[in-house]
N, C-alpha and C. Protein backbone atom coordinates (compact mmCIF):
# COMPACT_ATOMS: atom_id res chain seq x y z
N UNK A 1 15.63 20.33 37.13
CA UNK A 1 16.45 20.51 35.97
C UNK A 1 17.74 21.22 36.40
N UNK A 2 18.83 20.81 35.86
CA UNK A 2 20.12 21.38 36.22
C UNK A 2 20.31 22.74 35.56
N UNK A 3 21.34 23.46 36.02
CA UNK A 3 21.66 24.78 35.48
C UNK A 3 22.53 24.60 34.24
N UNK A 4 22.05 25.02 33.08
CA UNK A 4 22.79 24.90 31.83
C UNK A 4 23.19 26.29 31.36
N UNK A 5 24.49 26.51 31.21
CA UNK A 5 24.95 27.85 30.87
C UNK A 5 25.21 28.05 29.38
N UNK A 6 25.74 27.05 28.72
CA UNK A 6 26.07 27.24 27.31
C UNK A 6 24.89 26.81 26.43
N UNK A 7 24.95 27.22 25.16
CA UNK A 7 23.89 26.88 24.21
C UNK A 7 23.80 25.37 24.01
N UNK A 8 24.93 24.68 23.92
CA UNK A 8 24.91 23.22 23.75
C UNK A 8 24.25 22.54 24.93
N UNK A 9 24.49 23.03 26.12
CA UNK A 9 23.86 22.43 27.28
C UNK A 9 22.36 22.65 27.27
N UNK A 10 21.93 23.79 26.76
CA UNK A 10 20.49 24.06 26.65
C UNK A 10 19.85 23.08 25.67
N UNK A 11 20.54 22.84 24.56
CA UNK A 11 20.03 21.89 23.58
C UNK A 11 19.96 20.50 24.19
N UNK A 12 21.01 20.11 24.92
CA UNK A 12 21.00 18.80 25.59
C UNK A 12 19.85 18.69 26.57
N UNK A 13 19.59 19.77 27.28
CA UNK A 13 18.48 19.77 28.24
C UNK A 13 17.15 19.59 27.53
N UNK A 14 16.99 20.24 26.37
CA UNK A 14 15.75 20.10 25.60
C UNK A 14 15.58 18.68 25.11
N UNK A 15 16.68 18.07 24.66
CA UNK A 15 16.62 16.69 24.19
C UNK A 15 16.24 15.77 25.33
N UNK A 16 16.87 15.97 26.49
CA UNK A 16 16.55 15.13 27.64
C UNK A 16 15.11 15.34 28.09
N UNK A 17 14.65 16.57 28.07
CA UNK A 17 13.28 16.87 28.50
C UNK A 17 12.25 16.25 27.56
N UNK A 18 12.61 16.12 26.30
CA UNK A 18 11.66 15.57 25.34
C UNK A 18 11.77 14.05 25.24
N UNK A 19 12.68 13.45 26.03
CA UNK A 19 12.89 12.00 26.01
C UNK A 19 13.31 11.49 24.65
N UNK A 20 14.16 12.19 23.97
CA UNK A 20 14.65 11.71 22.69
C UNK A 20 15.28 12.82 21.88
N UNK A 21 15.72 12.46 20.70
CA UNK A 21 16.39 13.42 19.83
C UNK A 21 15.42 14.15 18.93
N UNK A 22 14.25 14.43 19.48
CA UNK A 22 13.23 15.12 18.70
C UNK A 22 13.62 16.58 18.47
N UNK A 23 14.41 17.14 19.40
CA UNK A 23 14.86 18.52 19.28
C UNK A 23 16.33 18.54 18.87
N UNK A 24 16.64 19.42 17.96
CA UNK A 24 18.03 19.58 17.55
C UNK A 24 18.25 21.04 17.21
N UNK A 25 19.27 21.62 17.74
CA UNK A 25 19.55 23.02 17.47
C UNK A 25 18.49 23.94 18.03
N UNK A 26 17.82 23.50 19.09
CA UNK A 26 16.80 24.32 19.72
C UNK A 26 15.47 24.31 19.00
N UNK A 27 15.36 23.57 17.89
CA UNK A 27 14.12 23.53 17.13
C UNK A 27 13.60 22.10 17.09
N UNK A 28 12.30 21.99 17.15
CA UNK A 28 11.67 20.69 17.07
C UNK A 28 11.78 20.17 15.64
N UNK A 29 12.23 18.93 15.50
CA UNK A 29 12.34 18.32 14.18
C UNK A 29 10.99 17.74 13.79
N UNK A 30 10.56 17.97 12.59
CA UNK A 30 9.26 17.52 12.10
C UNK A 30 9.47 16.24 11.30
N UNK A 31 8.66 15.22 11.61
CA UNK A 31 8.79 13.99 10.81
C UNK A 31 8.07 14.16 9.48
N UNK A 32 8.28 13.21 8.59
CA UNK A 32 7.81 13.34 7.20
C UNK A 32 6.29 13.49 7.10
N UNK A 33 5.54 12.70 7.88
CA UNK A 33 4.08 12.78 7.79
C UNK A 33 3.55 14.08 8.37
N UNK A 34 4.21 14.61 9.40
CA UNK A 34 3.75 15.86 9.99
C UNK A 34 3.90 17.03 9.03
N UNK A 35 4.84 16.94 8.10
CA UNK A 35 5.05 18.04 7.17
C UNK A 35 4.04 18.04 6.03
N UNK A 36 3.26 16.98 5.92
CA UNK A 36 2.26 16.89 4.85
C UNK A 36 0.95 17.51 5.29
N UNK A 37 0.19 17.99 4.33
CA UNK A 37 -1.15 18.48 4.62
C UNK A 37 -2.08 17.29 4.80
N UNK A 38 -3.23 17.49 5.43
CA UNK A 38 -4.16 16.37 5.58
C UNK A 38 -4.55 15.74 4.25
N UNK A 39 -4.68 16.56 3.20
CA UNK A 39 -5.01 16.02 1.89
C UNK A 39 -3.89 15.12 1.37
N UNK A 40 -2.64 15.55 1.57
CA UNK A 40 -1.49 14.75 1.11
C UNK A 40 -1.41 13.43 1.86
N UNK A 41 -1.72 13.45 3.16
CA UNK A 41 -1.71 12.22 3.94
C UNK A 41 -2.80 11.29 3.43
N UNK A 42 -3.99 11.84 3.18
CA UNK A 42 -5.09 11.03 2.64
C UNK A 42 -4.69 10.42 1.31
N UNK A 43 -4.06 11.21 0.44
CA UNK A 43 -3.65 10.73 -0.88
C UNK A 43 -2.61 9.62 -0.77
N UNK A 44 -1.67 9.78 0.15
CA UNK A 44 -0.65 8.76 0.37
C UNK A 44 -1.29 7.45 0.85
N UNK A 45 -2.23 7.55 1.78
CA UNK A 45 -2.93 6.36 2.27
C UNK A 45 -3.78 5.72 1.18
N UNK A 46 -4.45 6.54 0.39
CA UNK A 46 -5.27 6.03 -0.70
C UNK A 46 -4.40 5.27 -1.70
N UNK A 47 -3.26 5.86 -2.09
CA UNK A 47 -2.37 5.20 -3.04
C UNK A 47 -1.76 3.93 -2.47
N UNK A 48 -1.50 3.91 -1.20
CA UNK A 48 -1.00 2.70 -0.55
C UNK A 48 -2.04 1.58 -0.61
N UNK A 49 -3.28 1.92 -0.27
CA UNK A 49 -4.36 0.92 -0.31
C UNK A 49 -4.61 0.45 -1.74
N UNK A 50 -4.57 1.39 -2.68
CA UNK A 50 -4.79 1.03 -4.09
C UNK A 50 -3.68 0.11 -4.59
N UNK A 51 -2.44 0.41 -4.24
CA UNK A 51 -1.32 -0.42 -4.68
C UNK A 51 -1.44 -1.83 -4.12
N UNK A 52 -1.80 -1.95 -2.85
CA UNK A 52 -1.97 -3.30 -2.27
C UNK A 52 -3.10 -4.06 -2.96
N UNK A 53 -4.20 -3.38 -3.27
CA UNK A 53 -5.31 -4.03 -3.95
C UNK A 53 -4.91 -4.45 -5.36
N UNK A 54 -4.14 -3.63 -6.05
CA UNK A 54 -3.66 -3.99 -7.38
C UNK A 54 -2.80 -5.24 -7.30
N UNK A 55 -1.90 -5.29 -6.32
CA UNK A 55 -1.07 -6.49 -6.15
C UNK A 55 -1.92 -7.72 -5.87
N UNK A 56 -2.90 -7.57 -4.99
CA UNK A 56 -3.76 -8.71 -4.67
C UNK A 56 -4.49 -9.20 -5.92
N UNK A 57 -5.06 -8.29 -6.67
CA UNK A 57 -5.80 -8.68 -7.87
C UNK A 57 -4.88 -9.33 -8.90
N UNK A 58 -3.71 -8.74 -9.11
CA UNK A 58 -2.77 -9.32 -10.07
C UNK A 58 -2.32 -10.72 -9.66
N UNK A 59 -1.98 -10.87 -8.41
CA UNK A 59 -1.52 -12.19 -7.94
C UNK A 59 -2.65 -13.20 -8.04
N UNK A 60 -3.86 -12.77 -7.73
CA UNK A 60 -5.01 -13.66 -7.89
C UNK A 60 -5.17 -14.08 -9.35
N UNK A 61 -5.16 -13.11 -10.26
CA UNK A 61 -5.33 -13.41 -11.68
C UNK A 61 -4.22 -14.31 -12.19
N UNK A 62 -2.98 -13.98 -11.86
CA UNK A 62 -1.84 -14.75 -12.35
C UNK A 62 -1.83 -16.18 -11.82
N UNK A 63 -2.32 -16.37 -10.61
CA UNK A 63 -2.28 -17.72 -10.03
C UNK A 63 -3.47 -18.58 -10.44
N UNK A 64 -4.53 -17.98 -10.93
CA UNK A 64 -5.74 -18.75 -11.25
C UNK A 64 -5.66 -19.49 -12.58
N UNK A 65 -4.85 -19.03 -13.51
CA UNK A 65 -4.82 -19.70 -14.81
C UNK A 65 -4.11 -21.05 -14.76
N UNK A 66 -3.03 -21.15 -13.98
CA UNK A 66 -2.30 -22.42 -13.93
C UNK A 66 -1.86 -22.83 -12.52
N UNK A 67 -2.32 -22.12 -11.51
CA UNK A 67 -2.01 -22.49 -10.13
C UNK A 67 -0.66 -22.00 -9.63
N UNK A 68 0.05 -21.22 -10.44
CA UNK A 68 1.34 -20.67 -10.01
C UNK A 68 1.59 -19.36 -10.74
N UNK A 69 2.64 -18.67 -10.30
CA UNK A 69 3.02 -17.42 -10.93
C UNK A 69 4.27 -17.69 -11.77
N UNK A 70 4.15 -17.50 -13.07
CA UNK A 70 5.27 -17.77 -13.98
C UNK A 70 6.34 -16.69 -13.86
N UNK A 71 7.47 -16.92 -14.49
CA UNK A 71 8.56 -15.93 -14.43
C UNK A 71 8.15 -14.63 -15.12
N UNK A 72 7.40 -14.71 -16.21
CA UNK A 72 6.93 -13.51 -16.90
C UNK A 72 5.97 -12.72 -16.00
N UNK A 73 5.09 -13.43 -15.32
CA UNK A 73 4.15 -12.79 -14.41
C UNK A 73 4.89 -12.18 -13.21
N UNK A 74 5.89 -12.88 -12.72
CA UNK A 74 6.69 -12.37 -11.60
C UNK A 74 7.43 -11.09 -12.00
N UNK A 75 7.92 -11.03 -13.23
CA UNK A 75 8.58 -9.82 -13.72
C UNK A 75 7.61 -8.64 -13.74
N UNK A 76 6.38 -8.91 -14.15
CA UNK A 76 5.35 -7.88 -14.17
C UNK A 76 5.08 -7.36 -12.75
N UNK A 77 5.04 -8.27 -11.80
CA UNK A 77 4.80 -7.89 -10.40
C UNK A 77 5.98 -7.08 -9.87
N UNK A 78 7.20 -7.52 -10.17
CA UNK A 78 8.39 -6.79 -9.71
C UNK A 78 8.46 -5.38 -10.32
N UNK A 79 8.09 -5.27 -11.58
CA UNK A 79 8.08 -3.96 -12.24
C UNK A 79 7.08 -3.03 -11.55
N UNK A 80 5.92 -3.56 -11.23
CA UNK A 80 4.91 -2.78 -10.54
C UNK A 80 5.39 -2.40 -9.14
N UNK A 81 6.08 -3.30 -8.48
CA UNK A 81 6.61 -3.03 -7.14
C UNK A 81 7.61 -1.88 -7.17
N UNK A 82 8.50 -1.89 -8.15
CA UNK A 82 9.48 -0.80 -8.27
C UNK A 82 8.79 0.52 -8.57
N UNK A 83 7.80 0.48 -9.43
CA UNK A 83 7.10 1.70 -9.83
C UNK A 83 6.33 2.32 -8.66
N UNK A 84 5.77 1.50 -7.78
CA UNK A 84 4.91 1.98 -6.71
C UNK A 84 5.53 1.89 -5.32
N UNK A 85 6.83 1.68 -5.23
CA UNK A 85 7.46 1.51 -3.92
C UNK A 85 7.34 2.74 -3.04
N UNK A 86 7.20 3.91 -3.63
CA UNK A 86 7.10 5.13 -2.81
C UNK A 86 5.79 5.20 -2.02
N UNK A 87 4.78 4.45 -2.43
CA UNK A 87 3.50 4.46 -1.73
C UNK A 87 3.43 3.44 -0.61
N UNK A 88 4.39 2.53 -0.53
CA UNK A 88 4.30 1.40 0.39
C UNK A 88 5.13 1.61 1.64
N UNK A 89 4.57 1.22 2.76
CA UNK A 89 5.24 1.20 4.05
C UNK A 89 5.78 -0.22 4.28
N UNK A 90 6.68 -0.42 5.24
CA UNK A 90 7.20 -1.77 5.50
C UNK A 90 6.11 -2.80 5.78
N UNK A 91 5.07 -2.41 6.50
CA UNK A 91 3.98 -3.37 6.79
C UNK A 91 3.23 -3.77 5.52
N UNK A 92 3.20 -2.87 4.54
CA UNK A 92 2.55 -3.17 3.26
C UNK A 92 3.30 -4.26 2.51
N UNK A 93 4.63 -4.21 2.59
CA UNK A 93 5.44 -5.24 1.93
C UNK A 93 5.15 -6.62 2.54
N UNK A 94 4.95 -6.64 3.85
CA UNK A 94 4.63 -7.91 4.51
C UNK A 94 3.30 -8.46 4.00
N UNK A 95 2.34 -7.58 3.82
CA UNK A 95 1.03 -7.99 3.32
C UNK A 95 1.12 -8.51 1.89
N UNK A 96 1.90 -7.82 1.06
CA UNK A 96 2.09 -8.25 -0.33
C UNK A 96 2.81 -9.59 -0.38
N UNK A 97 3.78 -9.77 0.51
CA UNK A 97 4.49 -11.05 0.58
C UNK A 97 3.53 -12.17 0.95
N UNK A 98 2.60 -11.89 1.83
CA UNK A 98 1.58 -12.88 2.20
C UNK A 98 0.74 -13.26 0.98
N UNK A 99 0.39 -12.27 0.16
CA UNK A 99 -0.37 -12.56 -1.06
C UNK A 99 0.40 -13.50 -1.98
N UNK A 100 1.68 -13.23 -2.16
CA UNK A 100 2.47 -14.03 -3.11
C UNK A 100 2.74 -15.44 -2.59
N UNK A 101 2.86 -15.60 -1.29
CA UNK A 101 3.14 -16.94 -0.75
C UNK A 101 1.89 -17.79 -0.64
N UNK A 102 0.75 -17.17 -0.39
CA UNK A 102 -0.47 -17.95 -0.21
C UNK A 102 -1.29 -18.13 -1.48
N UNK A 103 -0.98 -17.38 -2.52
CA UNK A 103 -1.73 -17.40 -3.79
C UNK A 103 -3.24 -17.36 -3.51
N UNK A 104 -3.77 -16.17 -3.32
CA UNK A 104 -5.17 -16.01 -2.91
C UNK A 104 -6.17 -16.58 -3.91
N UNK A 105 -7.28 -17.07 -3.38
CA UNK A 105 -8.36 -17.56 -4.22
C UNK A 105 -9.51 -16.53 -4.20
N UNK A 106 -10.56 -16.84 -4.91
CA UNK A 106 -11.68 -15.90 -5.07
C UNK A 106 -12.29 -15.47 -3.73
N UNK A 107 -12.59 -16.41 -2.82
CA UNK A 107 -13.16 -15.96 -1.53
C UNK A 107 -12.20 -15.05 -0.74
N UNK A 108 -10.90 -15.33 -0.83
CA UNK A 108 -9.93 -14.48 -0.14
C UNK A 108 -9.97 -13.06 -0.68
N UNK A 109 -10.02 -12.91 -1.98
CA UNK A 109 -10.06 -11.58 -2.61
C UNK A 109 -11.31 -10.83 -2.19
N UNK A 110 -12.45 -11.48 -2.27
CA UNK A 110 -13.70 -10.82 -1.92
C UNK A 110 -13.75 -10.49 -0.42
N UNK A 111 -13.21 -11.37 0.40
CA UNK A 111 -13.15 -11.12 1.84
C UNK A 111 -12.23 -9.93 2.15
N UNK A 112 -11.09 -9.86 1.46
CA UNK A 112 -10.16 -8.74 1.63
C UNK A 112 -10.83 -7.42 1.27
N UNK A 113 -11.57 -7.42 0.19
CA UNK A 113 -12.25 -6.20 -0.26
C UNK A 113 -13.29 -5.75 0.78
N UNK A 114 -14.04 -6.69 1.32
CA UNK A 114 -15.06 -6.30 2.30
C UNK A 114 -14.44 -5.95 3.65
N UNK A 115 -13.43 -6.68 4.11
CA UNK A 115 -12.81 -6.39 5.40
C UNK A 115 -12.09 -5.05 5.41
N UNK A 116 -11.50 -4.68 4.29
CA UNK A 116 -10.76 -3.43 4.21
C UNK A 116 -11.63 -2.26 3.74
N UNK A 117 -12.93 -2.51 3.67
CA UNK A 117 -13.91 -1.47 3.32
C UNK A 117 -13.46 -0.67 2.10
N UNK A 118 -13.18 -1.39 1.04
CA UNK A 118 -12.75 -0.78 -0.21
C UNK A 118 -13.92 -0.01 -0.81
N UNK A 119 -13.74 1.29 -0.98
CA UNK A 119 -14.82 2.09 -1.56
C UNK A 119 -14.79 1.98 -3.08
N UNK A 120 -15.82 2.53 -3.71
CA UNK A 120 -15.99 2.38 -5.15
C UNK A 120 -14.85 3.02 -5.95
N UNK A 121 -14.42 4.21 -5.54
CA UNK A 121 -13.35 4.90 -6.26
C UNK A 121 -12.05 4.09 -6.22
N UNK A 122 -11.71 3.62 -5.05
CA UNK A 122 -10.50 2.81 -4.88
C UNK A 122 -10.58 1.54 -5.71
N UNK A 123 -11.73 0.90 -5.67
CA UNK A 123 -11.92 -0.35 -6.41
C UNK A 123 -11.81 -0.12 -7.92
N UNK A 124 -12.51 0.89 -8.42
CA UNK A 124 -12.51 1.15 -9.86
C UNK A 124 -11.13 1.55 -10.38
N UNK A 125 -10.42 2.37 -9.62
CA UNK A 125 -9.07 2.75 -10.05
C UNK A 125 -8.14 1.54 -10.05
N UNK A 126 -8.30 0.66 -9.08
CA UNK A 126 -7.48 -0.56 -9.03
C UNK A 126 -7.79 -1.48 -10.20
N UNK A 127 -9.07 -1.64 -10.50
CA UNK A 127 -9.49 -2.48 -11.63
C UNK A 127 -8.92 -1.92 -12.94
N UNK A 128 -9.00 -0.61 -13.12
CA UNK A 128 -8.47 0.01 -14.34
C UNK A 128 -6.96 -0.18 -14.46
N UNK A 129 -6.25 -0.06 -13.35
CA UNK A 129 -4.79 -0.24 -13.37
C UNK A 129 -4.44 -1.69 -13.72
N UNK A 130 -5.16 -2.63 -13.15
CA UNK A 130 -4.91 -4.05 -13.44
C UNK A 130 -5.24 -4.35 -14.89
N UNK A 131 -6.33 -3.77 -15.39
CA UNK A 131 -6.74 -4.00 -16.77
C UNK A 131 -5.65 -3.54 -17.75
N UNK A 132 -4.97 -2.44 -17.44
CA UNK A 132 -3.88 -1.97 -18.29
C UNK A 132 -2.69 -2.93 -18.25
N UNK A 133 -2.48 -3.57 -17.11
CA UNK A 133 -1.33 -4.47 -16.96
C UNK A 133 -1.56 -5.80 -17.67
N UNK A 134 -2.78 -6.33 -17.58
CA UNK A 134 -3.03 -7.66 -18.15
C UNK A 134 -3.17 -7.64 -19.66
N UNK A 135 -3.39 -6.48 -20.24
CA UNK A 135 -3.37 -6.28 -21.70
C UNK A 135 -4.26 -7.25 -22.49
N UNK A 136 -5.50 -7.26 -22.15
CA UNK A 136 -6.51 -8.00 -22.92
C UNK A 136 -6.32 -9.51 -22.96
N UNK A 137 -5.62 -10.08 -22.00
CA UNK A 137 -5.53 -11.53 -21.90
C UNK A 137 -6.93 -12.05 -21.54
N UNK A 138 -7.48 -12.92 -22.35
CA UNK A 138 -8.87 -13.36 -22.20
C UNK A 138 -9.16 -13.97 -20.83
N UNK A 139 -8.29 -14.84 -20.35
CA UNK A 139 -8.52 -15.51 -19.06
C UNK A 139 -8.52 -14.49 -17.93
N UNK A 140 -7.52 -13.62 -17.93
CA UNK A 140 -7.42 -12.62 -16.87
C UNK A 140 -8.59 -11.64 -16.93
N UNK A 141 -8.97 -11.25 -18.14
CA UNK A 141 -10.07 -10.30 -18.31
C UNK A 141 -11.38 -10.86 -17.78
N UNK A 142 -11.64 -12.14 -18.04
CA UNK A 142 -12.87 -12.77 -17.53
C UNK A 142 -12.87 -12.84 -16.01
N UNK A 143 -11.74 -13.20 -15.42
CA UNK A 143 -11.66 -13.25 -13.96
C UNK A 143 -11.83 -11.86 -13.34
N UNK A 144 -11.23 -10.87 -13.96
CA UNK A 144 -11.34 -9.50 -13.47
C UNK A 144 -12.78 -8.99 -13.61
N UNK A 145 -13.42 -9.31 -14.71
CA UNK A 145 -14.82 -8.92 -14.92
C UNK A 145 -15.72 -9.56 -13.87
N UNK A 146 -15.44 -10.81 -13.52
CA UNK A 146 -16.22 -11.51 -12.51
C UNK A 146 -16.10 -10.81 -11.15
N UNK A 147 -14.89 -10.43 -10.78
CA UNK A 147 -14.70 -9.72 -9.51
C UNK A 147 -15.40 -8.36 -9.55
N UNK A 148 -15.29 -7.67 -10.66
CA UNK A 148 -15.95 -6.37 -10.81
C UNK A 148 -17.46 -6.51 -10.68
N UNK A 149 -18.05 -7.49 -11.34
CA UNK A 149 -19.50 -7.71 -11.26
C UNK A 149 -19.92 -8.08 -9.85
N UNK A 150 -19.16 -8.91 -9.19
CA UNK A 150 -19.48 -9.32 -7.82
C UNK A 150 -19.43 -8.12 -6.88
N UNK A 151 -18.44 -7.26 -7.06
CA UNK A 151 -18.33 -6.07 -6.22
C UNK A 151 -19.55 -5.17 -6.43
N UNK A 152 -19.94 -5.00 -7.68
CA UNK A 152 -21.10 -4.15 -7.97
C UNK A 152 -22.37 -4.72 -7.36
N UNK A 153 -22.54 -6.04 -7.41
CA UNK A 153 -23.71 -6.66 -6.83
C UNK A 153 -23.75 -6.49 -5.31
N UNK A 154 -22.59 -6.60 -4.68
CA UNK A 154 -22.53 -6.49 -3.22
C UNK A 154 -22.68 -5.06 -2.74
N UNK A 155 -22.42 -4.07 -3.60
CA UNK A 155 -22.44 -2.67 -3.16
C UNK A 155 -23.54 -1.83 -3.76
N UNK A 156 -24.51 -2.40 -4.38
CA UNK A 156 -25.64 -1.61 -4.90
C UNK A 156 -26.78 -1.66 -3.98
């Protein structure tokens, strides 16, 4: 290491030693996740998983009645996206985009739930959120009830 006499040179040396701009002003900069408590990180991950499951369920319900997502249904999805954008990471948006382009069917939804090891609390909160969005539409309610019953059968 070279001889650094001024404070700025010491800071530069710290940055070089850390292989990046992780240090600034002689202090280590903390990234956003490091500043959260373990409970906050868990809550953020839980809300991210719940939001993705809500999107999957909504897209499934909206596409099953007529094979496509109408403009009214798309507005509902966009409204939900704006409301929950703080919970989503860039990779989550890619997953949601996959849902909207492929229009998932029943086996896809059930496979997603089992592959992602969706626990009961996550599942029930997602079902309740979707139920509030669909507002007693008979077709959507029956499809949602079917998924709920299937989940209960598979997890008892």
